[in-house]
């Protein structure tokens, strides 16, 4: 799909195109995620968490904690609000997560 649209203020034209790439409204989190990488948060979380999950289907506890942190930064006020991030494939790619935990998984971590 491609469509040309006139802008509201001015004489320019804007071309709208459809893409198969993942797009996220949380693109601004990329700077925060880069900051977390630079301070070594993933290594510290995996090293200092007092437990390790042994189920073959379990999402690692460090990734669950990081998902909680990202949900709070993205504006979640309740555990249930973290579910809005589960469908965002681009955010998962920025975090390097194959699966994003549910609100129940995050709640059970605590």
PDB file of N, CA and C in Angstrom:
ATOM      1  N   UNK A   1       0.837  -1.174   0.000  1.00  0.00           N
ATOM      2  CA  UNK A   1       0.000   0.000   0.000  1.00  0.00           C
ATOM      3  C   UNK A   1       0.881   1.235   0.000  1.00  0.00           C
ATOM      4  N   UNK A   2       0.564   2.180  -0.823  1.00  0.00           N
ATOM      5  CA  UNK A   2       1.269   3.456  -0.842  1.00  0.00           C
ATOM      6  C   UNK A   2       0.245   4.541  -1.124  1.00  0.00           C
ATOM      7  N   UNK A   3       0.319   5.613  -0.354  1.00  0.00           N
ATOM      8  CA  UNK A   3      -0.661   6.680  -0.504  1.00  0.00           C
ATOM      9  C   UNK A   3       0.024   8.017  -0.276  1.00  0.00           C
ATOM     10  N   UNK A   4      -0.321   9.004  -1.073  1.00  0.00           N
ATOM     11  CA  UNK A   4       0.234  10.347  -0.936  1.00  0.00           C
ATOM     12  C   UNK A   4      -0.795  11.227  -0.224  1.00  0.00           C
ATOM     13  N   UNK A   5      -0.334  11.940   0.794  1.00  0.00           N
ATOM     14  CA  UNK A   5      -1.215  12.758   1.622  1.00  0.00           C
ATOM     15  C   UNK A   5      -0.653  14.169   1.693  1.00  0.00           C
ATOM     16  N   UNK A   6      -1.527  15.154   1.672  1.00  0.00           N
ATOM     17  CA  UNK A   6      -1.109  16.544   1.852  1.00  0.00           C
ATOM     18  C   UNK A   6      -0.968  16.838   3.335  1.00  0.00           C
ATOM     19  N   UNK A   7       0.032  17.644   3.692  1.00  0.00           N
ATOM     20  CA  UNK A   7       0.226  18.001   5.087  1.00  0.00           C
ATOM     21  C   UNK A   7      -0.775  19.084   5.482  1.00  0.00           C
ATOM     22  N   UNK A   8      -1.000  19.220   6.762  1.00  0.00           N
ATOM     23  CA  UNK A   8      -1.967  20.184   7.259  1.00  0.00           C
ATOM     24  C   UNK A   8      -1.473  21.611   7.083  1.00  0.00           C
ATOM     25  N   UNK A   9      -0.216  21.876   7.431  1.00  0.00           N
ATOM     26  CA  UNK A   9       0.363  23.210   7.337  1.00  0.00           C
ATOM     27  C   UNK A   9       1.447  23.204   6.271  1.00  0.00           C
ATOM     28  N   UNK A  10       1.220  23.823   5.169  1.00  0.00           N
ATOM     29  CA  UNK A  10       2.213  23.906   4.110  1.00  0.00           C
ATOM     30  C   UNK A  10       1.748  23.237   2.835  1.00  0.00           C
ATOM     31  N   UNK A  11       2.654  23.187   1.882  1.00  0.00           N
ATOM     32  CA  UNK A  11       2.340  22.670   0.553  1.00  0.00           C
ATOM     33  C   UNK A  11       2.967  21.312   0.271  1.00  0.00           C
ATOM     34  N   UNK A  12       3.657  20.727   1.216  1.00  0.00           N
ATOM     35  CA  UNK A  12       4.371  19.473   0.989  1.00  0.00           C
ATOM     36  C   UNK A  12       3.412  18.290   0.905  1.00  0.00           C
ATOM     37  N   UNK A  13       3.931  17.207   0.340  1.00  0.00           N
ATOM     38  CA  UNK A  13       3.206  15.944   0.279  1.00  0.00           C
ATOM     39  C   UNK A  13       3.984  14.911   1.092  1.00  0.00           C
ATOM     40  N   UNK A  14       3.264  14.013   1.745  1.00  0.00           N
ATOM     41  CA  UNK A  14       3.860  12.935   2.524  1.00  0.00           C
ATOM     42  C   UNK A  14       3.413  11.624   1.907  1.00  0.00           C
ATOM     43  N   UNK A  15       4.357  10.703   1.729  1.00  0.00           N
ATOM     44  CA  UNK A  15       4.039   9.394   1.175  1.00  0.00           C
ATOM     45  C   UNK A  15       3.946   8.397   2.329  1.00  0.00           C
ATOM     46  N   UNK A  16       2.787   7.752   2.453  1.00  0.00           N
ATOM     47  CA  UNK A  16       2.579   6.719   3.464  1.00  0.00           C
ATOM     48  C   UNK A  16       2.761   5.365   2.810  1.00  0.00           C
ATOM     49  N   UNK A  17       3.562   4.519   3.449  1.00  0.00           N
ATOM     50  CA  UNK A  17       3.821   3.186   2.912  1.00  0.00           C
ATOM     51  C   UNK A  17       3.599   2.142   3.989  1.00  0.00           C
ATOM     52  N   UNK A  18       3.227   0.965   3.569  1.00  0.00           N
ATOM     53  CA  UNK A  18       3.085  -0.151   4.486  1.00  0.00           C
ATOM     54  C   UNK A  18       4.402  -0.908   4.527  1.00  0.00           C
ATOM     55  N   UNK A  19       4.752  -1.423   5.683  1.00  0.00           N
ATOM     56  CA  UNK A  19       5.994  -2.168   5.819  1.00  0.00           C
ATOM     57  C   UNK A  19       5.745  -3.455   6.597  1.00  0.00           C
ATOM     58  N   UNK A  20       6.536  -4.453   6.313  1.00  0.00           N
ATOM     59  CA  UNK A  20       6.448  -5.715   7.049  1.00  0.00           C
ATOM     60  C   UNK A  20       7.315  -5.676   8.311  1.00  0.00           C
ATOM     61  N   UNK A  21       8.095  -4.628   8.478  1.00  0.00           N
ATOM     62  CA  UNK A  21       8.961  -4.500   9.640  1.00  0.00           C
ATOM     63  C   UNK A  21       8.130  -4.215  10.892  1.00  0.00           C
ATOM     64  N   UNK A  22       8.652  -4.666  12.021  1.00  0.00           N
ATOM     65  CA  UNK A  22       7.985  -4.405  13.294  1.00  0.00           C
ATOM     66  C   UNK A  22       8.205  -2.950  13.692  1.00  0.00           C
ATOM     67  N   UNK A  23       7.145  -2.305  14.129  1.00  0.00           N
ATOM     68  CA  UNK A  23       7.192  -0.906  14.544  1.00  0.00           C
ATOM     69  C   UNK A  23       6.673  -0.837  15.974  1.00  0.00           C
ATOM     70  N   UNK A  24       7.275   0.016  16.793  1.00  0.00           N
ATOM     71  CA  UNK A  24       6.865   0.123  18.183  1.00  0.00           C
ATOM     72  C   UNK A  24       6.632   1.570  18.598  1.00  0.00           C
ATOM     73  N   UNK A  25       5.635   1.819  19.427  1.00  0.00           N
ATOM     74  CA  UNK A  25       5.480   3.167  19.976  1.00  0.00           C
ATOM     75  C   UNK A  25       6.466   3.433  21.098  1.00  0.00           C
ATOM     76  N   UNK A  26       7.195   2.392  21.516  1.00  0.00           N
ATOM     77  CA  UNK A  26       8.152   2.512  22.600  1.00  0.00           C
ATOM     78  C   UNK A  26       9.585   2.619  22.082  1.00  0.00           C
ATOM     79  N   UNK A  27       9.755   3.196  20.909  1.00  0.00           N
ATOM     80  CA  UNK A  27      11.087   3.344  20.318  1.00  0.00           C
ATOM     81  C   UNK A  27      12.021   4.193  21.163  1.00  0.00           C
ATOM     82  N   UNK A  28      11.465   5.112  21.957  1.00  0.00           N
ATOM     83  CA  UNK A  28      12.288   5.941  22.826  1.00  0.00           C
ATOM     84  C   UNK A  28      12.975   5.147  23.920  1.00  0.00           C
ATOM     85  N   UNK A  29      12.480   3.944  24.191  1.00  0.00           N
ATOM     86  CA  UNK A  29      13.120   3.102  25.192  1.00  0.00           C
ATOM     87  C   UNK A  29      14.464   2.561  24.730  1.00  0.00           C
ATOM     88  N   UNK A  30      14.767   2.716  23.450  1.00  0.00           N
ATOM     89  CA  UNK A  30      16.043   2.198  22.944  1.00  0.00           C
ATOM     90  C   UNK A  30      17.221   2.862  23.651  1.00  0.00           C
ATOM     91  N   UNK A  31      17.108   4.145  23.977  1.00  0.00           N
ATOM     92  CA  UNK A  31      18.188   4.830  24.706  1.00  0.00           C
ATOM     93  C   UNK A  31      18.314   4.274  26.122  1.00  0.00           C
ATOM     94  N   UNK A  32      17.185   3.992  26.773  1.00  0.00           N
ATOM     95  CA  UNK A  32      17.220   3.430  28.119  1.00  0.00           C
ATOM     96  C   UNK A  32      17.787   2.016  28.098  1.00  0.00           C
ATOM     97  N   UNK A  33      17.415   1.232  27.092  1.00  0.00           N
ATOM     98  CA  UNK A  33      17.924  -0.133  26.970  1.00  0.00           C
ATOM     99  C   UNK A  33      19.431  -0.113  26.736  1.00  0.00           C
ATOM    100  N   UNK A  34      19.896   0.811  25.916  1.00  0.00           N
ATOM    101  CA  UNK A  34      21.345   0.953  25.693  1.00  0.00           C
ATOM    102  C   UNK A  34      22.056   1.345  26.991  1.00  0.00           C
ATOM    103  N   UNK A  35      21.439   2.213  27.787  1.00  0.00           N
ATOM    104  CA  UNK A  35      22.001   2.587  29.081  1.00  0.00           C
ATOM    105  C   UNK A  35      22.121   1.360  29.988  1.00  0.00           C
ATOM    106  N   UNK A  36      21.083   0.526  30.019  1.00  0.00           N
ATOM    107  CA  UNK A  36      21.127  -0.681  30.839  1.00  0.00           C
ATOM    108  C   UNK A  36      22.243  -1.618  30.399  1.00  0.00           C
ATOM    109  N   UNK A  37      22.477  -1.706  29.096  1.00  0.00           N
ATOM    110  CA  UNK A  37      23.580  -2.536  28.595  1.00  0.00           C
ATOM    111  C   UNK A  37      24.926  -1.977  29.041  1.00  0.00           C
ATOM    112  N   UNK A  38      25.080  -0.657  28.955  1.00  0.00           N
ATOM    113  CA  UNK A  38      26.364  -0.036  29.302  1.00  0.00           C
ATOM    114  C   UNK A  38      26.714  -0.171  30.777  1.00  0.00           C
ATOM    115  N   UNK A  39      25.722  -0.152  31.641  1.00  0.00           N
ATOM    116  CA  UNK A  39      26.021  -0.305  33.060  1.00  0.00           C
ATOM    117  C   UNK A  39      26.113  -1.775  33.472  1.00  0.00           C
ATOM    118  N   UNK A  40      25.862  -2.678  32.536  1.00  0.00           N
ATOM    119  CA  UNK A  40      25.994  -4.106  32.799  1.00  0.00           C
ATOM    120  C   UNK A  40      24.857  -4.700  33.600  1.00  0.00           C
ATOM    121  N   UNK A  41      23.655  -4.159  33.456  1.00  0.00           N
ATOM    122  CA  UNK A  41      22.510  -4.653  34.220  1.00  0.00           C
ATOM    123  C   UNK A  41      22.233  -6.141  33.987  1.00  0.00           C
ATOM    124  N   UNK A  42      22.223  -6.638  32.744  1.00  0.00           N
ATOM    125  CA  UNK A  42      21.909  -8.065  32.569  1.00  0.00           C
ATOM    126  C   UNK A  42      22.862  -8.985  33.333  1.00  0.00           C
ATOM    127  N   UNK A  43      24.148  -8.700  33.287  1.00  0.00           N
ATOM    128  CA  UNK A  43      25.118  -9.541  33.987  1.00  0.00           C
ATOM    129  C   UNK A  43      24.911  -9.467  35.498  1.00  0.00           C
ATOM    130  N   UNK A  44      24.660  -8.266  36.016  1.00  0.00           N
ATOM    131  CA  UNK A  44      24.462  -8.101  37.456  1.00  0.00           C
ATOM    132  C   UNK A  44      23.188  -8.786  37.933  1.00  0.00           C
ATOM    133  N   UNK A  45      22.129  -8.677  37.149  1.00  0.00           N
ATOM    134  CA  UNK A  45      20.860  -9.307  37.544  1.00  0.00           C
ATOM    135  C   UNK A  45      21.006 -10.818  37.546  1.00  0.00           C
ATOM    136  N   UNK A  46      21.598 -11.388  36.508  1.00  0.00           N
ATOM    137  CA  UNK A  46      21.757 -12.843  36.458  1.00  0.00           C
ATOM    138  C   UNK A  46      22.701 -13.329  37.550  1.00  0.00           C
ATOM    139  N   UNK A  47      23.693 -12.529  37.902  1.00  0.00           N
ATOM    140  CA  UNK A  47      24.660 -12.925  38.927  1.00  0.00           C
ATOM    141  C   UNK A  47      24.054 -12.817  40.330  1.00  0.00           C
ATOM    142  N   UNK A  48      23.261 -11.784  40.589  1.00  0.00           N
ATOM    143  CA  UNK A  48      22.829 -11.489  41.953  1.00  0.00           C
ATOM    144  C   UNK A  48      21.439 -11.982  42.315  1.00  0.00           C
ATOM    145  N   UNK A  49      20.661 -12.476  41.369  1.00  0.00           N
ATOM    146  CA  UNK A  49      19.347 -13.019  41.735  1.00  0.00           C
ATOM    147  C   UNK A  49      19.558 -14.257  42.602  1.00  0.00           C
ATOM    148  N   UNK A  50      18.808 -14.390  43.680  1.00  0.00           N
ATOM    149  CA  UNK A  50      19.059 -15.478  44.627  1.00  0.00           C
ATOM    150  C   UNK A  50      18.557 -16.856  44.175  1.00  0.00           C
ATOM    151  N   UNK A  51      17.907 -16.954  43.030  1.00  0.00           N
ATOM    152  CA  UNK A  51      17.375 -18.246  42.602  1.00  0.00           C
ATOM    153  C   UNK A  51      17.474 -18.382  41.092  1.00  0.00           C
ATOM    154  N   UNK A  52      17.343 -19.611  40.631  1.00  0.00           N
ATOM    155  CA  UNK A  52      17.360 -19.917  39.201  1.00  0.00           C
ATOM    156  C   UNK A  52      16.219 -20.891  38.925  1.00  0.00           C
ATOM    157  N   UNK A  53      15.417 -20.623  37.936  1.00  0.00           N
ATOM    158  CA  UNK A  53      14.290 -21.485  37.603  1.00  0.00           C
ATOM    159  C   UNK A  53      14.799 -22.693  36.815  1.00  0.00           C
ATOM    160  N   UNK A  54      14.253 -23.875  37.115  1.00  0.00           N
ATOM    161  CA  UNK A  54      14.769 -25.094  36.499  1.00  0.00           C
ATOM    162  C   UNK A  54      13.857 -25.687  35.428  1.00  0.00           C
ATOM    163  N   UNK A  55      12.664 -25.175  35.264  1.00  0.00           N
ATOM    164  CA  UNK A  55      11.746 -25.694  34.254  1.00  0.00           C
ATOM    165  C   UNK A  55      12.285 -25.384  32.857  1.00  0.00           C
ATOM    166  N   UNK A  56      12.189 -26.330  31.920  1.00  0.00           N
ATOM    167  CA  UNK A  56      12.678 -26.057  30.569  1.00  0.00           C
ATOM    168  C   UNK A  56      11.847 -25.000  29.834  1.00  0.00           C
ATOM    169  N   UNK A  57      10.616 -24.745  30.283  1.00  0.00           N
ATOM    170  CA  UNK A  57       9.768 -23.739  29.647  1.00  0.00           C
ATOM    171  C   UNK A  57       9.788 -22.392  30.366  1.00  0.00           C
ATOM    172  N   UNK A  58      10.523 -22.295  31.447  1.00  0.00           N
ATOM    173  CA  UNK A  58      10.533 -21.067  32.241  1.00  0.00           C
ATOM    174  C   UNK A  58      11.300 -19.964  31.527  1.00  0.00           C
ATOM    175  N   UNK A  59      10.781 -18.766  31.625  1.00  0.00           N
ATOM    176  CA  UNK A  59      11.508 -17.583  31.154  1.00  0.00           C
ATOM    177  C   UNK A  59      12.522 -17.262  32.244  1.00  0.00           C
ATOM    178  N   UNK A  60      13.781 -17.024  31.902  1.00  0.00           N
ATOM    179  CA  UNK A  60      14.784 -16.746  32.936  1.00  0.00           C
ATOM    180  C   UNK A  60      14.349 -15.593  33.850  1.00  0.00           C
ATOM    181  N   UNK A  61      14.648 -15.741  35.146  1.00  0.00           N
ATOM    182  CA  UNK A  61      14.213 -14.753  36.137  1.00  0.00           C
ATOM    183  C   UNK A  61      14.790 -13.371  35.835  1.00  0.00           C
ATOM    184  N   UNK A  62      15.997 -13.301  35.300  1.00  0.00           N
ATOM    185  CA  UNK A  62      16.595 -12.014  34.950  1.00  0.00           C
ATOM    186  C   UNK A  62      15.815 -11.309  33.851  1.00  0.00           C
ATOM    187  N   UNK A  63      15.346 -12.061  32.877  1.00  0.00           N
ATOM    188  CA  UNK A  63      14.535 -11.476  31.808  1.00  0.00           C
ATOM    189  C   UNK A  63      13.172 -11.037  32.337  1.00  0.00           C
ATOM    190  N   UNK A  64      12.611 -11.796  33.272  1.00  0.00           N
ATOM    191  CA  UNK A  64      11.337 -11.413  33.867  1.00  0.00           C
ATOM    192  C   UNK A  64      11.480 -10.127  34.661  1.00  0.00           C
ATOM    193  N   UNK A  65      12.563  -9.998  35.430  1.00  0.00           N
ATOM    194  CA  UNK A  65      12.804  -8.766  36.178  1.00  0.00           C
ATOM    195  C   UNK A  65      12.995  -7.585  35.226  1.00  0.00           C
ATOM    196  N   UNK A  66      13.732  -7.805  34.136  1.00  0.00           N
ATOM    197  CA  UNK A  66      13.948  -6.738  33.155  1.00  0.00           C
ATOM    198  C   UNK A  66      12.627  -6.342  32.500  1.00  0.00           C
ATOM    199  N   UNK A  67      11.762  -7.318  32.216  1.00  0.00           N
ATOM    200  CA  UNK A  67      10.447  -7.023  31.644  1.00  0.00           C
ATOM    201  C   UNK A  67       9.638  -6.162  32.604  1.00  0.00           C
ATOM    202  N   UNK A  68       9.716  -6.455  33.908  1.00  0.00           N
ATOM    203  CA  UNK A  68       9.029  -5.633  34.908  1.00  0.00           C
ATOM    204  C   UNK A  68       9.567  -4.206  34.886  1.00  0.00           C
ATOM    205  N   UNK A  69      10.886  -4.069  34.841  1.00  0.00           N
ATOM    206  CA  UNK A  69      11.518  -2.749  34.829  1.00  0.00           C
ATOM    207  C   UNK A  69      11.091  -1.950  33.594  1.00  0.00           C
ATOM    208  N   UNK A  70      11.105  -2.584  32.430  1.00  0.00           N
ATOM    209  CA  UNK A  70      10.717  -1.911  31.184  1.00  0.00           C
ATOM    210  C   UNK A  70       9.235  -1.534  31.229  1.00  0.00           C
ATOM    211  N   UNK A  71       8.387  -2.400  31.791  1.00  0.00           N
ATOM    212  CA  UNK A  71       6.964  -2.092  31.886  1.00  0.00           C
ATOM    213  C   UNK A  71       6.735  -0.858  32.756  1.00  0.00           C
ATOM    214  N   UNK A  72       7.467  -0.750  33.854  1.00  0.00           N
ATOM    215  CA  UNK A  72       7.320   0.415  34.730  1.00  0.00           C
ATOM    216  C   UNK A  72       7.769   1.677  34.005  1.00  0.00           C
ATOM    217  N   UNK A  73       8.888   1.597  33.308  1.00  0.00           N
ATOM    218  CA  UNK A  73       9.387   2.765  32.572  1.00  0.00           C
ATOM    219  C   UNK A  73       8.408   3.152  31.456  1.00  0.00           C
ATOM    220  N   UNK A  74       7.739   2.158  30.862  1.00  0.00           N
ATOM    221  CA  UNK A  74       6.780   2.427  29.788  1.00  0.00           C
ATOM    222  C   UNK A  74       5.444   2.948  30.305  1.00  0.00           C
ATOM    223  N   UNK A  75       5.261   2.990  31.630  1.00  0.00           N
ATOM    224  CA  UNK A  75       4.058   3.594  32.175  1.00  0.00           C
ATOM    225  C   UNK A  75       3.099   2.664  32.876  1.00  0.00           C
ATOM    226  N   UNK A  76       3.496   1.407  33.086  1.00  0.00           N
ATOM    227  CA  UNK A  76       2.600   0.471  33.769  1.00  0.00           C
ATOM    228  C   UNK A  76       2.483   0.845  35.245  1.00  0.00           C
ATOM    229  N   UNK A  77       1.256   0.890  35.743  1.00  0.00           N
ATOM    230  CA  UNK A  77       1.027   1.171  37.159  1.00  0.00           C
ATOM    231  C   UNK A  77       0.596  -0.077  37.921  1.00  0.00           C
ATOM    232  N   UNK A  78       0.160  -1.071  37.173  1.00  0.00           N
ATOM    233  CA  UNK A  78      -0.243  -2.348  37.761  1.00  0.00           C
ATOM    234  C   UNK A  78       0.426  -3.464  36.971  1.00  0.00           C
ATOM    235  N   UNK A  79       0.509  -4.650  37.583  1.00  0.00           N
ATOM    236  CA  UNK A  79       1.095  -5.787  36.878  1.00  0.00           C
ATOM    237  C   UNK A  79       0.334  -6.075  35.592  1.00  0.00           C
ATOM    238  N   UNK A  80      -0.980  -5.908  35.601  1.00  0.00           N
ATOM    239  CA  UNK A  80      -1.794  -6.185  34.420  1.00  0.00           C
ATOM    240  C   UNK A  80      -1.434  -5.272  33.250  1.00  0.00           C
ATOM    241  N   UNK A  81      -0.919  -4.081  33.532  1.00  0.00           N
ATOM    242  CA  UNK A  81      -0.548  -3.165  32.458  1.00  0.00           C
ATOM    243  C   UNK A  81       0.663  -3.656  31.669  1.00  0.00           C
ATOM    244  N   UNK A  82       1.447  -4.563  32.247  1.00  0.00           N
ATOM    245  CA  UNK A  82       2.609  -5.077  31.524  1.00  0.00           C
ATOM    246  C   UNK A  82       2.201  -5.940  30.335  1.00  0.00           C
ATOM    247  N   UNK A  83       0.952  -6.379  30.311  1.00  0.00           N
ATOM    248  CA  UNK A  83       0.462  -7.194  29.188  1.00  0.00           C
ATOM    249  C   UNK A  83       0.452  -6.424  27.880  1.00  0.00           C
ATOM    250  N   UNK A  84       0.392  -5.092  27.942  1.00  0.00           N
ATOM    251  CA  UNK A  84       0.377  -4.311  26.701  1.00  0.00           C
ATOM    252  C   UNK A  84       1.692  -4.457  25.934  1.00  0.00           C
ATOM    253  N   UNK A  85       2.748  -4.880  26.607  1.00  0.00           N
ATOM    254  CA  UNK A  85       4.044  -5.023  25.949  1.00  0.00           C
ATOM    255  C   UNK A  85       4.236  -6.405  25.331  1.00  0.00           C
ATOM    256  N   UNK A  86       3.359  -7.343  25.614  1.00  0.00           N
ATOM    257  CA  UNK A  86       3.529  -8.710  25.132  1.00  0.00           C
ATOM    258  C   UNK A  86       3.402  -8.836  23.617  1.00  0.00           C
ATOM    259  N   UNK A  87       2.635  -7.970  22.980  1.00  0.00           N
ATOM    260  CA  UNK A  87       2.412  -8.076  21.541  1.00  0.00           C
ATOM    261  C   UNK A  87       3.397  -7.233  20.733  1.00  0.00           C
ATOM    262  N   UNK A  88       4.302  -6.535  21.389  1.00  0.00           N
ATOM    263  CA  UNK A  88       5.208  -5.613  20.710  1.00  0.00           C
ATOM    264  C   UNK A  88       6.507  -6.328  20.310  1.00  0.00           C
ATOM    265  N   UNK A  89       6.530  -6.880  19.096  1.00  0.00           N
ATOM    266  CA  UNK A  89       7.685  -7.647  18.628  1.00  0.00           C
ATOM    267  C   UNK A  89       8.945  -6.803  18.504  1.00  0.00           C
ATOM    268  N   UNK A  90       8.794  -5.535  18.144  1.00  0.00           N
ATOM    269  CA  UNK A  90       9.969  -4.676  18.009  1.00  0.00           C
ATOM    270  C   UNK A  90      10.629  -4.445  19.369  1.00  0.00           C
ATOM    271  N   UNK A  91       9.835  -4.279  20.416  1.00  0.00           N
ATOM    272  CA  UNK A  91      10.388  -4.121  21.763  1.00  0.00           C
ATOM    273  C   UNK A  91      11.087  -5.392  22.203  1.00  0.00           C
ATOM    274  N   UNK A  92      10.516  -6.533  21.890  1.00  0.00           N
ATOM    275  CA  UNK A  92      11.156  -7.810  22.227  1.00  0.00           C
ATOM    276  C   UNK A  92      12.506  -7.926  21.526  1.00  0.00           C
ATOM    277  N   UNK A  93      12.571  -7.477  20.286  1.00  0.00           N
ATOM    278  CA  UNK A  93      13.838  -7.523  19.543  1.00  0.00           C
ATOM    279  C   UNK A  93      14.868  -6.587  20.170  1.00  0.00           C
ATOM    280  N   UNK A  94      14.440  -5.401  20.613  1.00  0.00           N
ATOM    281  CA  UNK A  94      15.374  -4.478  21.261  1.00  0.00           C
ATOM    282  C   UNK A  94      15.915  -5.060  22.561  1.00  0.00           C
ATOM    283  N   UNK A  95      15.071  -5.814  23.265  1.00  0.00           N
ATOM    284  CA  UNK A  95      15.487  -6.416  24.528  1.00  0.00           C
ATOM    285  C   UNK A  95      16.222  -7.734  24.332  1.00  0.00           C
ATOM    286  N   UNK A  96      16.075  -8.332  23.159  1.00  0.00           N
ATOM    287  CA  UNK A  96      16.697  -9.629  22.911  1.00  0.00           C
ATOM    288  C   UNK A  96      15.941 -10.775  23.563  1.00  0.00           C
ATOM    289  N   UNK A  97      14.655 -10.601  23.765  1.00  0.00           N
ATOM    290  CA  UNK A  97      13.827 -11.635  24.398  1.00  0.00           C
ATOM    291  C   UNK A  97      13.042 -12.399  23.330  1.00  0.00           C
ATOM    292  N   UNK A  98      13.018 -13.719  23.471  1.00  0.00           N
ATOM    293  CA  UNK A  98      12.218 -14.528  22.559  1.00  0.00           C
ATOM    294  C   UNK A  98      10.758 -14.525  22.987  1.00  0.00           C
ATOM    295  N   UNK A  99      10.535 -14.536  24.306  1.00  0.00           N
ATOM    296  CA  UNK A  99       9.178 -14.507  24.849  1.00  0.00           C
ATOM    297  C   UNK A  99       9.124 -13.454  25.944  1.00  0.00           C
ATOM    298  N   UNK A 100       8.026 -12.722  25.994  1.00  0.00           N
ATOM    299  CA  UNK A 100       7.832 -11.708  27.025  1.00  0.00           C
ATOM    300  C   UNK A 100       6.917 -12.308  28.090  1.00  0.00           C
ATOM    301  N   UNK A 101       7.271 -12.195  29.363  1.00  0.00           N
ATOM    302  CA  UNK A 101       6.467 -12.836  30.409  1.00  0.00           C
ATOM    303  C   UNK A 101       5.092 -12.195  30.574  1.00  0.00           C
ATOM    304  N   UNK A 102       4.154 -12.995  31.032  1.00  0.00           N
ATOM    305  CA  UNK A 102       2.815 -12.483  31.315  1.00  0.00           C
ATOM    306  C   UNK A 102       2.834 -11.711  32.629  1.00  0.00           C
ATOM    307  N   UNK A 103       1.743 -11.023  32.906  1.00  0.00           N
ATOM    308  CA  UNK A 103       1.662 -10.299  34.175  1.00  0.00           C
ATOM    309  C   UNK A 103       1.684 -11.252  35.359  1.00  0.00           C
ATOM    310  N   UNK A 104       1.144 -12.450  35.190  1.00  0.00           N
ATOM    311  CA  UNK A 104       1.183 -13.451  36.251  1.00  0.00           C
ATOM    312  C   UNK A 104       2.603 -13.928  36.536  1.00  0.00           C
ATOM    313  N   UNK A 105       3.393 -14.098  35.494  1.00  0.00           N
ATOM    314  CA  UNK A 105       4.790 -14.513  35.663  1.00  0.00           C
ATOM    315  C   UNK A 105       5.587 -13.435  36.391  1.00  0.00           C
ATOM    316  N   UNK A 106       5.361 -12.191  36.020  1.00  0.00           N
ATOM    317  CA  UNK A 106       6.070 -11.083  36.679  1.00  0.00           C
ATOM    318  C   UNK A 106       5.644 -10.992  38.134  1.00  0.00           C
ATOM    319  N   UNK A 107       4.355 -11.144  38.404  1.00  0.00           N
ATOM    320  CA  UNK A 107       3.857 -11.080  39.774  1.00  0.00           C
ATOM    321  C   UNK A 107       4.432 -12.233  40.602  1.00  0.00           C
ATOM    322  N   UNK A 108       4.529 -13.419  40.031  1.00  0.00           N
ATOM    323  CA  UNK A 108       5.072 -14.566  40.755  1.00  0.00           C
ATOM    324  C   UNK A 108       6.554 -14.425  41.050  1.00  0.00           C
ATOM    325  N   UNK A 109       7.265 -13.610  40.287  1.00  0.00           N
ATOM    326  CA  UNK A 109       8.678 -13.380  40.559  1.00  0.00           C
ATOM    327  C   UNK A 109       8.856 -12.728  41.927  1.00  0.00           C
ATOM    328  N   UNK A 110       7.896 -11.868  42.291  1.00  0.00           N
ATOM    329  CA  UNK A 110       7.989 -11.165  43.571  1.00  0.00           C
ATOM    330  C   UNK A 110       7.338 -11.949  44.671  1.00  0.00           C
TER     331      UNK A 110
END
